[in-house]
Amino acid sequence: MDESNIPSFTLGDFDPNYVSRSFPTSEYDATGSAPTPPVMEPPAGSEASGTMSGSASTNTGSKRSRTSGVWQHFDEVAMTGPDGRHVTFARCRICKNKLSAKSSGGTGHLKRHAEACAKKQGIQLRQQQLLLNPDGTVRTWEYDPMVARENLARLIARQDLPLNFGESPAFENYIKNSHNPRFQAVSRQTTTRDLKNVYDKGYESLKELFSTCTFSVSVTSDIWSSRAKEDYLSVVVHFIDDDWQMQKRVLGLRLIDVSHTGENIAERIREVIDEFNLADKIFAVTMDNASANSRAMEILQPLFCIYAQSFLLHQRCACHIINLIVKCGFKRVNVHIDAVRQAITWLTASNPRIAQWKRYCCASGEPPQYENDDLLMPVVFNMKQKYLKYWKDIPMLYSFAFILDPRGKLRGFLNILSLIGDIINVDYSTYYADVKTKFYEVFRKYELKFQGDRL
């Protein structure tokens, strides 16, 4: 039989407990001859075709069950001819060849055949599984259980999956049947240790990165509540790496089980920053507008204003300010919002109501236009007052960002200040002069640091 036509399988596809092993030499016959060749079915139309033309079935009714372990790799097939003769074969589960299964012939030839198929299949797998290197060359890929466990731990951490995900039968069957039959389930205890190892490796990598970096970092911090009713303070840094790519790293989540005062917040932020030796690399710290955060920044400012000047250090979260502005406006229309919510709840409680509402909307055409803005004017007024509270004094860093944008520059910044000043009745001429002065101070500091090097 042409071996090139043998299908590509491994014994692991059929038996997860298979372990490749060598068999003792006693299994060979006394002459040391090669394994018994497979018994092939005679071709149709030959003289022997009448003998083997009967039905074929898997033998399950033998008086004595097969006890040799080799039968986990073979199926016992009984052929019955028209004359009632019974011939038994052992059909290989890998190559589907039929070998003699006479009890007088022993099982040595079956073991040798199974081992040969396993070795041959292993060679084919290594030839087919190739990996492309970054430089364009190709190398052979080898399955590494430790790499699989590490990536499984990263998957569980990234997707917030349960720790026993790696030992679930559904996941194990998916990996074995679709990707790698040699995959072994990973218990939740092992996953817990792997997660700790992944964290330790990432922790050391970050410390090494920040110990040799030349870039600055921007810090953000906020307090989050867990499902266990515990509060944690997060410290995250953003930076531009040497390849000019934006990067984000979570440095720490510290339990804050005490009062959320400015002193307690500042203490935990300082601990994380000192742990990574970043005090002299901080460009700005962004926090929300709570009074405790303002107090925390008053404590941290003398410690963190080494890299950048103090007027750039504390940045109030713009998203939080927008949220406060919108909430302030909605306070005037809460009654109407509650009425709309109740109407939607009543409408979505019945499918016929939804269908009737859909027909009404299609028949009515465009929604009515309101010419009177008396309802919206109080909302807009409240939102404007909240805006002036936080952004009447424009943050200096926002102005720098606008000026550094090629579409803005100083001329565009002056035009924007004039437009905003006319709307809210504020004179920004003095502020424009301060921004220009501070901007040139920061530029000279960078020029001194990099010794006039230009891109």
Protein backbone atom coordinates (compact mmCIF):
# COMPACT_ATOMS: atom_id res chain seq x y z
CA MET A 1 0.00 0.00 0.00
CA ASP A 2 1.27 3.47 -0.87
CA GLU A 3 2.21 5.09 2.48
CA SER A 4 1.83 8.59 1.04
CA ASN A 5 -1.93 8.02 0.97
CA ILE A 6 -2.10 7.24 4.67
CA PRO A 7 -4.27 9.91 6.38
CA SER A 8 -2.54 12.19 8.89
CA PHE A 9 -3.63 11.43 12.45
CA THR A 10 -2.10 10.81 15.86
CA LEU A 11 -3.06 8.30 18.48
CA GLY A 12 -3.96 11.27 20.68
CA ASP A 13 -6.88 11.96 18.33
CA PHE A 14 -8.43 8.69 19.41
CA ASP A 15 -7.03 8.11 22.88
CA PRO A 16 -6.20 11.13 25.11
CA ASN A 17 -4.33 8.80 27.49
CA TYR A 18 -1.94 7.58 24.79
CA VAL A 19 1.75 7.91 25.65
CA SER A 20 4.34 7.01 23.03
CA ARG A 21 6.52 4.17 24.30
CA SER A 22 8.82 1.46 22.97
CA PHE A 23 7.91 -2.19 23.29
CA PRO A 24 10.22 -4.90 24.60
CA THR A 25 12.18 -6.92 22.13
CA SER A 26 10.42 -10.05 23.31
CA GLU A 27 7.43 -8.97 21.27
CA TYR A 28 9.38 -9.64 18.06
CA ASP A 29 9.36 -13.15 16.70
CA ALA A 30 12.33 -15.42 17.14
CA THR A 31 13.85 -14.56 13.78
CA GLY A 32 13.63 -10.82 14.33
CA SER A 33 11.61 -10.48 11.17
CA ALA A 34 9.68 -7.38 10.17
CA PRO A 35 6.09 -6.87 11.35
CA THR A 36 3.41 -8.96 9.76
CA PRO A 37 2.22 -7.18 6.61
CA PRO A 38 -1.36 -5.95 6.58
CA VAL A 39 -3.97 -8.31 5.23
CA MET A 40 -5.66 -6.58 2.31
CA GLU A 41 -9.15 -7.25 1.09
CA PRO A 42 -9.15 -9.12 -2.22
CA PRO A 43 -10.26 -7.04 -5.17
CA ALA A 44 -13.76 -7.37 -6.50
CA GLY A 45 -14.15 -10.03 -9.14
CA SER A 46 -11.29 -12.24 -7.89
CA GLU A 47 -11.67 -15.89 -6.98
CA ALA A 48 -11.69 -15.09 -3.28
CA SER A 49 -14.39 -12.47 -3.59
CA GLY A 50 -17.10 -14.99 -2.87
CA THR A 51 -15.51 -15.88 0.43
CA MET A 52 -15.24 -12.29 1.73
CA SER A 53 -18.41 -10.83 0.24
CA GLY A 54 -20.45 -11.33 3.36
CA SER A 55 -21.30 -8.78 6.05
CA ALA A 56 -18.71 -7.09 8.23
CA SER A 57 -19.29 -6.12 11.85
CA THR A 58 -17.38 -5.20 14.95
CA ASN A 59 -17.03 -8.27 17.11
CA THR A 60 -18.68 -7.65 20.45
CA GLY A 61 -19.95 -11.14 21.20
CA SER A 62 -16.70 -13.07 21.64
CA LYS A 63 -16.56 -15.52 24.48
CA ARG A 64 -13.39 -13.98 25.90
CA SER A 65 -12.69 -10.24 25.77
CA ARG A 66 -9.40 -8.93 24.45
CA THR A 67 -7.11 -8.14 27.39
CA SER A 68 -4.06 -6.67 25.63
CA GLY A 69 -3.65 -2.91 25.81
CA VAL A 70 -2.92 -2.78 22.09
CA TRP A 71 -6.63 -3.10 21.32
CA GLN A 72 -7.20 0.51 22.33
CA HIS A 73 -5.59 1.36 18.97
CA PHE A 74 -7.46 -1.23 16.87
CA ASP A 75 -11.03 -2.21 16.13
CA GLU A 76 -11.86 -5.90 15.98
CA VAL A 77 -13.75 -6.58 12.76
CA ALA A 78 -15.41 -9.91 11.99
CA MET A 79 -16.15 -10.80 8.36
CA THR A 80 -18.73 -13.47 7.61
CA GLY A 81 -18.79 -15.11 4.20
CA PRO A 82 -21.71 -16.78 2.39
CA ASP A 83 -20.48 -20.17 3.53
CA GLY A 84 -20.69 -19.11 7.17
CA ARG A 85 -16.94 -18.89 7.75
CA HIS A 86 -15.79 -16.22 10.23
CA VAL A 87 -12.57 -14.31 9.66
CA THR A 88 -11.43 -11.75 12.27
CA PHE A 89 -9.24 -8.74 11.49
CA ALA A 90 -7.74 -5.91 13.57
CA ARG A 91 -8.43 -2.59 11.83
CA CYS A 92 -5.96 0.18 12.72
CA ARG A 93 -7.71 3.33 13.91
CA ILE A 94 -5.06 5.51 12.26
CA CYS A 95 -4.39 4.13 8.79
CA LYS A 96 -7.49 1.86 8.59
CA ASN A 97 -5.38 -1.10 7.45
CA LYS A 98 -6.57 -4.57 8.40
CA LEU A 99 -4.14 -6.94 10.09
CA SER A 100 -4.57 -10.53 11.15
CA ALA A 101 -6.26 -10.93 14.51
CA LYS A 102 -5.97 -14.68 14.96
CA SER A 103 -5.53 -15.64 18.58
CA SER A 104 -2.71 -17.96 17.59
CA GLY A 105 -0.76 -15.10 16.00
CA GLY A 106 -0.36 -13.03 19.18
CA THR A 107 -0.37 -9.23 19.35
CA GLY A 108 3.29 -8.42 18.72
CA HIS A 109 2.70 -7.40 15.12
CA LEU A 110 -0.18 -5.16 16.23
CA LYS A 111 2.01 -3.33 18.75
CA ARG A 112 4.76 -2.83 16.19
CA HIS A 113 2.27 -1.50 13.66
CA ALA A 114 0.74 0.94 16.20
CA GLU A 115 4.18 2.25 17.19
CA ALA A 116 5.21 2.69 13.56
CA CYS A 117 2.04 4.65 12.80
CA ALA A 118 2.60 6.89 15.81
CA LYS A 119 6.20 7.68 14.84
CA LYS A 120 5.28 8.29 11.24
CA GLN A 121 2.45 10.59 12.25
CA GLY A 122 4.70 12.55 14.58
CA ILE A 123 7.10 13.29 11.73
CA GLN A 124 4.24 14.51 9.54
CA LEU A 125 2.94 16.80 12.27
CA ARG A 126 6.32 18.46 12.79
CA GLN A 127 6.67 19.01 9.07
CA GLN A 128 3.25 20.63 8.78
CA GLN A 129 3.30 22.91 11.85
CA LEU A 130 5.57 25.80 10.92
CA LEU A 131 5.92 29.25 12.46
CA LEU A 132 6.94 32.44 10.67
CA ASN A 133 9.68 34.41 12.43
CA PRO A 134 9.67 38.25 12.49
CA ASP A 135 12.59 38.30 10.04
CA GLY A 136 10.65 36.25 7.48
CA THR A 137 12.31 32.89 8.13
CA VAL A 138 10.35 29.77 8.99
CA ARG A 139 10.93 27.48 11.95
CA THR A 140 9.26 24.37 13.29
CA TRP A 141 6.64 24.96 15.97
CA GLU A 142 6.71 22.70 19.00
CA TYR A 143 3.90 22.42 21.51
CA ASP A 144 4.97 23.61 24.97
CA PRO A 145 2.51 22.97 27.84
CA MET A 146 4.05 25.76 29.92
CA VAL A 147 3.47 28.31 27.16
CA ALA A 148 -0.11 27.07 26.82
CA ARG A 149 -0.69 27.50 30.55
CA GLU A 150 0.74 31.02 30.58
CA ASN A 151 -1.42 32.11 27.65
CA LEU A 152 -4.47 30.52 29.28
CA ALA A 153 -3.80 32.57 32.43
CA ARG A 154 -3.53 35.74 30.33
CA LEU A 155 -6.80 34.88 28.59
CA ILE A 156 -8.59 34.37 31.92
CA ALA A 157 -7.24 37.66 33.28
CA ARG A 158 -8.05 39.67 30.16
CA GLN A 159 -11.59 38.33 29.69
CA ASP A 160 -12.39 38.10 33.43
CA LEU A 161 -13.18 34.39 33.15
CA PRO A 162 -13.60 32.01 36.11
CA LEU A 163 -10.46 30.29 37.38
CA ASN A 164 -11.83 26.83 36.53
CA PHE A 165 -12.27 27.76 32.86
CA GLY A 166 -9.19 25.74 31.87
CA GLU A 167 -10.58 22.52 33.35
CA SER A 168 -14.08 22.77 31.92
CA PRO A 169 -14.92 19.79 29.67
CA ALA A 170 -16.28 22.05 26.93
CA PHE A 171 -13.05 24.06 26.67
CA GLU A 172 -10.89 20.93 26.83
CA ASN A 173 -12.87 19.25 24.04
CA TYR A 174 -12.70 22.40 21.92
CA ILE A 175 -8.90 22.64 22.17
CA LYS A 176 -8.29 18.92 21.72
CA ASN A 177 -10.61 18.46 18.77
CA SER A 178 -9.90 21.75 16.99
CA HIS A 179 -6.31 22.72 17.82
CA ASN A 180 -4.08 20.31 19.71
CA PRO A 181 -4.96 16.79 20.88
CA ARG A 182 -2.07 16.89 23.37
CA PHE A 183 -3.65 19.66 25.45
CA GLN A 184 -4.29 18.72 29.06
CA ALA A 185 -6.86 20.39 31.28
CA VAL A 186 -5.52 22.94 33.78
CA SER A 187 -7.01 22.99 37.27
CA ARG A 188 -8.04 26.19 39.02
CA GLN A 189 -5.26 25.71 41.59
CA THR A 190 -2.67 25.60 38.81
CA THR A 191 -4.28 28.59 37.10
CA THR A 192 -4.06 30.56 40.35
CA ARG A 193 -0.31 29.91 40.54
CA ASP A 194 0.10 30.74 36.85
CA LEU A 195 -1.69 34.07 37.31
CA LYS A 196 0.69 34.95 40.13
CA ASN A 197 3.66 34.05 37.91
CA VAL A 198 2.32 36.17 35.05
CA TYR A 199 1.87 39.11 37.42
CA ASP A 200 5.39 38.75 38.83
CA LYS A 201 6.87 38.59 35.34
CA GLY A 202 4.97 41.70 34.21
CA TYR A 203 5.88 43.52 37.42
CA GLU A 204 9.60 42.94 36.94
CA SER A 205 9.35 43.86 33.27
CA LEU A 206 7.70 47.19 34.12
CA LYS A 207 10.28 48.03 36.77
CA GLU A 208 13.07 47.35 34.30
CA LEU A 209 11.37 49.46 31.63
CA PHE A 210 10.88 52.49 33.87
CA SER A 211 14.38 52.26 35.33
CA THR A 212 15.98 52.89 31.92
CA CYS A 213 13.34 54.95 30.08
CA THR A 214 13.88 58.52 28.90
CA PHE A 215 10.21 59.41 28.37
CA SER A 216 7.76 60.95 30.81
CA VAL A 217 4.47 59.45 31.98
CA SER A 218 1.02 60.84 32.67
CA VAL A 219 -0.76 59.38 35.68
CA THR A 220 -4.49 58.83 36.14
CA SER A 221 -6.12 57.67 39.36
CA ASP A 222 -9.64 56.85 40.47
CA ILE A 223 -11.47 54.78 43.09
CA TRP A 224 -13.48 51.72 42.05
CA SER A 225 -15.86 49.50 44.01
CA SER A 226 -15.65 45.72 43.65
CA ARG A 227 -18.50 43.24 43.83
CA ALA A 228 -17.22 42.27 47.26
CA LYS A 229 -18.11 45.79 48.47
CA GLU A 230 -14.46 46.82 48.73
CA ASP A 231 -12.96 50.03 47.37
CA TYR A 232 -9.72 50.05 45.40
CA LEU A 233 -7.65 52.98 44.21
CA SER A 234 -6.19 52.49 40.73
CA VAL A 235 -2.97 54.05 39.45
CA VAL A 236 -2.51 53.97 35.66
CA VAL A 237 0.22 55.53 33.52
CA HIS A 238 0.11 56.56 29.86
CA PHE A 239 3.23 57.26 27.84
CA ILE A 240 4.70 57.39 24.34
CA ASP A 241 7.35 54.70 23.89
CA ASP A 242 10.52 54.89 21.82
CA ASP A 243 8.57 53.75 18.74
CA TRP A 244 6.11 56.66 19.13
CA GLN A 245 3.28 54.35 20.14
CA MET A 246 0.78 55.21 22.87
CA GLN A 247 1.06 52.77 25.78
CA LYS A 248 -1.03 52.24 28.91
CA ARG A 249 -0.01 50.27 31.99
CA VAL A 250 -1.89 49.58 35.22
CA LEU A 251 0.65 49.97 38.01
CA GLY A 252 -1.49 49.13 41.00
CA LEU A 253 -4.87 48.59 42.60
CA ARG A 254 -4.58 49.44 46.29
CA LEU A 255 -7.26 48.62 48.83
CA ILE A 256 -8.60 51.76 50.47
CA ASP A 257 -10.71 50.51 53.36
CA VAL A 258 -10.54 53.80 55.27
CA SER A 259 -12.15 57.17 54.78
CA HIS A 260 -11.55 58.63 51.30
CA THR A 261 -9.73 61.69 52.54
CA GLY A 262 -7.07 63.56 50.61
CA GLU A 263 -4.36 62.28 52.94
CA ASN A 264 -5.32 58.60 52.47
CA ILE A 265 -5.60 58.98 48.69
CA ALA A 266 -2.24 60.75 48.45
CA GLU A 267 -0.54 58.09 50.58
CA ARG A 268 -1.60 55.23 48.30
CA ILE A 269 -0.70 57.05 45.10
CA ARG A 270 2.72 57.93 46.50
CA GLU A 271 3.36 54.29 47.48
CA VAL A 272 2.71 53.05 43.94
CA ILE A 273 4.79 55.80 42.32
CA ASP A 274 7.72 55.21 44.67
CA GLU A 275 7.51 51.47 44.03
CA PHE A 276 8.31 52.07 40.34
CA ASN A 277 10.63 55.08 40.91
CA LEU A 278 8.56 57.41 38.73
CA ALA A 279 8.49 60.54 40.88
CA ASP A 280 10.97 62.33 38.59
CA LYS A 281 9.22 61.26 35.36
CA ILE A 282 5.65 62.46 35.96
CA PHE A 283 4.34 65.02 33.51
CA ALA A 284 0.75 65.34 34.77
CA VAL A 285 -1.74 63.67 37.12
CA THR A 286 -5.41 63.46 36.08
CA MET A 287 -8.13 62.92 38.69
CA ASP A 288 -11.81 63.76 38.97
CA ASN A 289 -13.15 66.90 40.62
CA ALA A 290 -13.84 65.61 44.13
CA SER A 291 -12.59 67.89 46.87
CA ALA A 292 -10.58 65.01 48.39
CA ASN A 293 -8.64 64.67 45.13
CA SER A 294 -7.83 68.37 45.13
CA ARG A 295 -6.48 67.99 48.65
CA ALA A 296 -4.46 64.93 47.60
CA MET A 297 -2.85 66.90 44.77
CA GLU A 298 -1.88 69.66 47.19
CA ILE A 299 0.05 67.03 49.15
CA LEU A 300 1.60 65.34 46.10
CA GLN A 301 2.53 68.45 44.15
CA PRO A 302 5.86 69.14 45.95
CA LEU A 303 6.85 65.49 45.42
CA PHE A 304 5.88 65.10 41.76
CA CYS A 305 6.67 68.45 40.13
CA ILE A 306 10.29 67.47 39.43
CA TYR A 307 9.90 66.75 35.72
CA ALA A 308 7.25 69.32 34.74
CA GLN A 309 6.32 72.62 36.30
CA SER A 310 3.61 72.77 38.95
CA PHE A 311 1.06 74.56 36.75
CA LEU A 312 0.88 71.47 34.50
CA LEU A 313 0.79 68.78 37.18
CA HIS A 314 -2.87 68.62 38.28
CA GLN A 315 -5.37 68.05 35.46
CA ARG A 316 -9.08 67.72 36.16
CA CYS A 317 -10.83 64.92 34.28
CA ALA A 318 -12.67 66.45 31.31
CA CYS A 319 -15.09 63.52 31.03
CA HIS A 320 -16.09 63.94 34.66
CA ILE A 321 -16.71 67.65 34.10
CA ILE A 322 -18.93 66.94 31.07
CA ASN A 323 -20.83 64.40 33.15
CA LEU A 324 -21.40 67.00 35.88
CA ILE A 325 -22.59 69.56 33.32
CA VAL A 326 -25.13 67.16 31.81
CA LYS A 327 -26.39 66.00 35.21
CA CYS A 328 -26.88 69.60 36.27
CA GLY A 329 -29.04 70.26 33.22
CA PHE A 330 -31.11 67.12 33.68
CA LYS A 331 -32.12 68.14 37.19
CA ARG A 332 -34.62 70.59 35.68
CA VAL A 333 -36.32 67.94 33.55
CA ASN A 334 -36.21 64.92 35.87
CA VAL A 335 -40.02 64.83 36.04
CA HIS A 336 -40.30 64.59 32.26
CA ILE A 337 -37.51 62.01 32.06
CA ASP A 338 -39.27 59.79 34.61
CA ALA A 339 -42.51 60.07 32.63
CA VAL A 340 -40.73 58.99 29.44
CA ARG A 341 -39.13 56.04 31.23
CA GLN A 342 -42.49 54.88 32.59
CA ALA A 343 -44.04 55.16 29.13
CA ILE A 344 -41.23 53.11 27.58
CA THR A 345 -41.58 50.47 30.31
CA TRP A 346 -45.31 50.22 29.65
CA LEU A 347 -44.76 50.07 25.88
CA THR A 348 -42.08 47.37 25.90
CA ALA A 349 -44.10 45.13 28.25
CA SER A 350 -46.30 43.96 25.34
CA ASN A 351 -45.36 42.96 21.80
CA PRO A 352 -48.73 44.09 20.34
CA ARG A 353 -48.16 47.55 21.84
CA ILE A 354 -44.75 47.73 20.18
CA ALA A 355 -46.26 46.74 16.84
CA GLN A 356 -49.03 49.33 17.19
CA TRP A 357 -46.49 52.03 18.11
CA LYS A 358 -44.41 51.10 15.07
CA ARG A 359 -47.45 51.47 12.79
CA TYR A 360 -48.23 54.84 14.35
CA CYS A 361 -44.70 56.12 13.80
CA CYS A 362 -44.69 54.97 10.17
CA ALA A 363 -48.05 56.66 9.52
CA SER A 364 -47.27 59.95 11.29
CA GLY A 365 -44.06 60.64 9.37
CA GLU A 366 -41.59 63.12 10.87
CA PRO A 367 -41.81 63.96 14.59
CA PRO A 368 -43.36 67.33 15.53
CA GLN A 369 -41.08 70.37 15.60
CA TYR A 370 -41.09 72.55 18.70
CA GLU A 371 -40.88 76.28 18.12
CA ASN A 372 -40.91 77.24 21.80
CA ASP A 373 -37.68 76.64 23.74
CA ASP A 374 -39.05 77.69 27.13
CA LEU A 375 -38.60 74.14 28.43
CA LEU A 376 -34.99 73.87 27.30
CA MET A 377 -33.76 77.32 28.30
CA PRO A 378 -33.52 76.54 32.06
CA VAL A 379 -31.61 73.35 31.22
CA VAL A 380 -29.12 75.20 29.04
CA PHE A 381 -28.70 77.94 31.65
CA ASN A 382 -27.81 75.44 34.39
CA MET A 383 -25.36 73.64 32.12
CA LYS A 384 -23.71 76.95 31.21
CA GLN A 385 -23.27 77.85 34.87
CA LYS A 386 -21.62 74.50 35.60
CA TYR A 387 -19.37 74.94 32.56
CA LEU A 388 -18.22 78.35 33.78
CA LYS A 389 -17.48 76.88 37.21
CA TYR A 390 -14.91 74.42 35.85
CA TRP A 391 -13.75 75.84 32.51
CA LYS A 392 -14.02 79.60 32.79
CA ASP A 393 -10.33 79.38 33.68
CA ILE A 394 -9.09 77.21 30.83
CA PRO A 395 -6.46 74.63 31.94
CA MET A 396 -3.01 75.50 30.67
CA LEU A 397 -2.36 72.02 29.29
CA TYR A 398 -5.52 72.21 27.14
CA SER A 399 -4.19 75.41 25.61
CA PHE A 400 -0.80 73.78 24.93
CA ALA A 401 -2.50 70.86 23.19
CA PHE A 402 -4.44 73.22 20.92
CA ILE A 403 -1.34 75.25 20.04
CA LEU A 404 0.73 72.15 19.23
CA ASP A 405 -1.96 70.93 16.83
CA PRO A 406 -0.82 72.00 13.32
CA ARG A 407 -4.39 73.08 12.59
CA GLY A 408 -4.44 75.45 15.57
CA LYS A 409 -1.16 77.13 16.48
CA LEU A 410 -1.01 80.46 18.32
CA ARG A 411 -3.06 82.32 15.73
CA GLY A 412 -5.90 79.83 15.86
CA PHE A 413 -5.73 79.79 19.65
CA LEU A 414 -6.18 83.57 19.75
CA ASN A 415 -9.22 83.33 17.47
CA ILE A 416 -10.82 80.65 19.66
CA LEU A 417 -10.26 82.70 22.81
CA SER A 418 -11.95 85.68 21.18
CA LEU A 419 -14.93 83.55 20.15
CA ILE A 420 -15.37 81.96 23.59
CA GLY A 421 -14.88 85.31 25.33
CA ASP A 422 -17.67 86.93 23.29
CA ILE A 423 -20.08 84.10 24.18
CA ILE A 424 -19.47 84.02 27.95
CA ASN A 425 -18.42 87.68 28.36
CA VAL A 426 -14.86 86.99 29.56
CA ASP A 427 -11.71 88.86 28.53
CA TYR A 428 -8.93 86.34 27.76
CA SER A 429 -6.23 88.78 26.63
CA THR A 430 -4.23 88.42 29.86
CA TYR A 431 -4.65 84.64 29.79
CA TYR A 432 -3.34 84.52 26.21
CA ALA A 433 -0.17 86.37 27.25
CA ASP A 434 0.35 83.96 30.18
CA VAL A 435 -0.10 80.93 27.93
CA LYS A 436 2.42 82.27 25.44
CA THR A 437 4.99 82.93 28.17
CA LYS A 438 4.55 79.50 29.80
CA PHE A 439 4.64 77.78 26.43
CA TYR A 440 8.06 79.22 25.61
CA GLU A 441 9.32 78.29 29.08
CA VAL A 442 8.37 74.65 28.55
CA PHE A 443 9.92 74.71 25.07
CA ARG A 444 13.22 75.99 26.42
CA LYS A 445 13.21 73.28 29.09
CA TYR A 446 12.83 70.54 26.48
CA GLU A 447 15.45 72.19 24.29
CA LEU A 448 17.89 72.19 27.21
CA LYS A 449 17.13 68.57 28.10
CA PHE A 450 17.64 67.22 24.59
CA GLN A 451 20.46 69.68 23.79
CA GLY A 452 18.80 71.13 20.74
CA ASP A 453 18.24 67.79 18.97
CA ARG A 454 15.42 68.06 16.45
CA LEU A 455 13.51 65.33 14.67
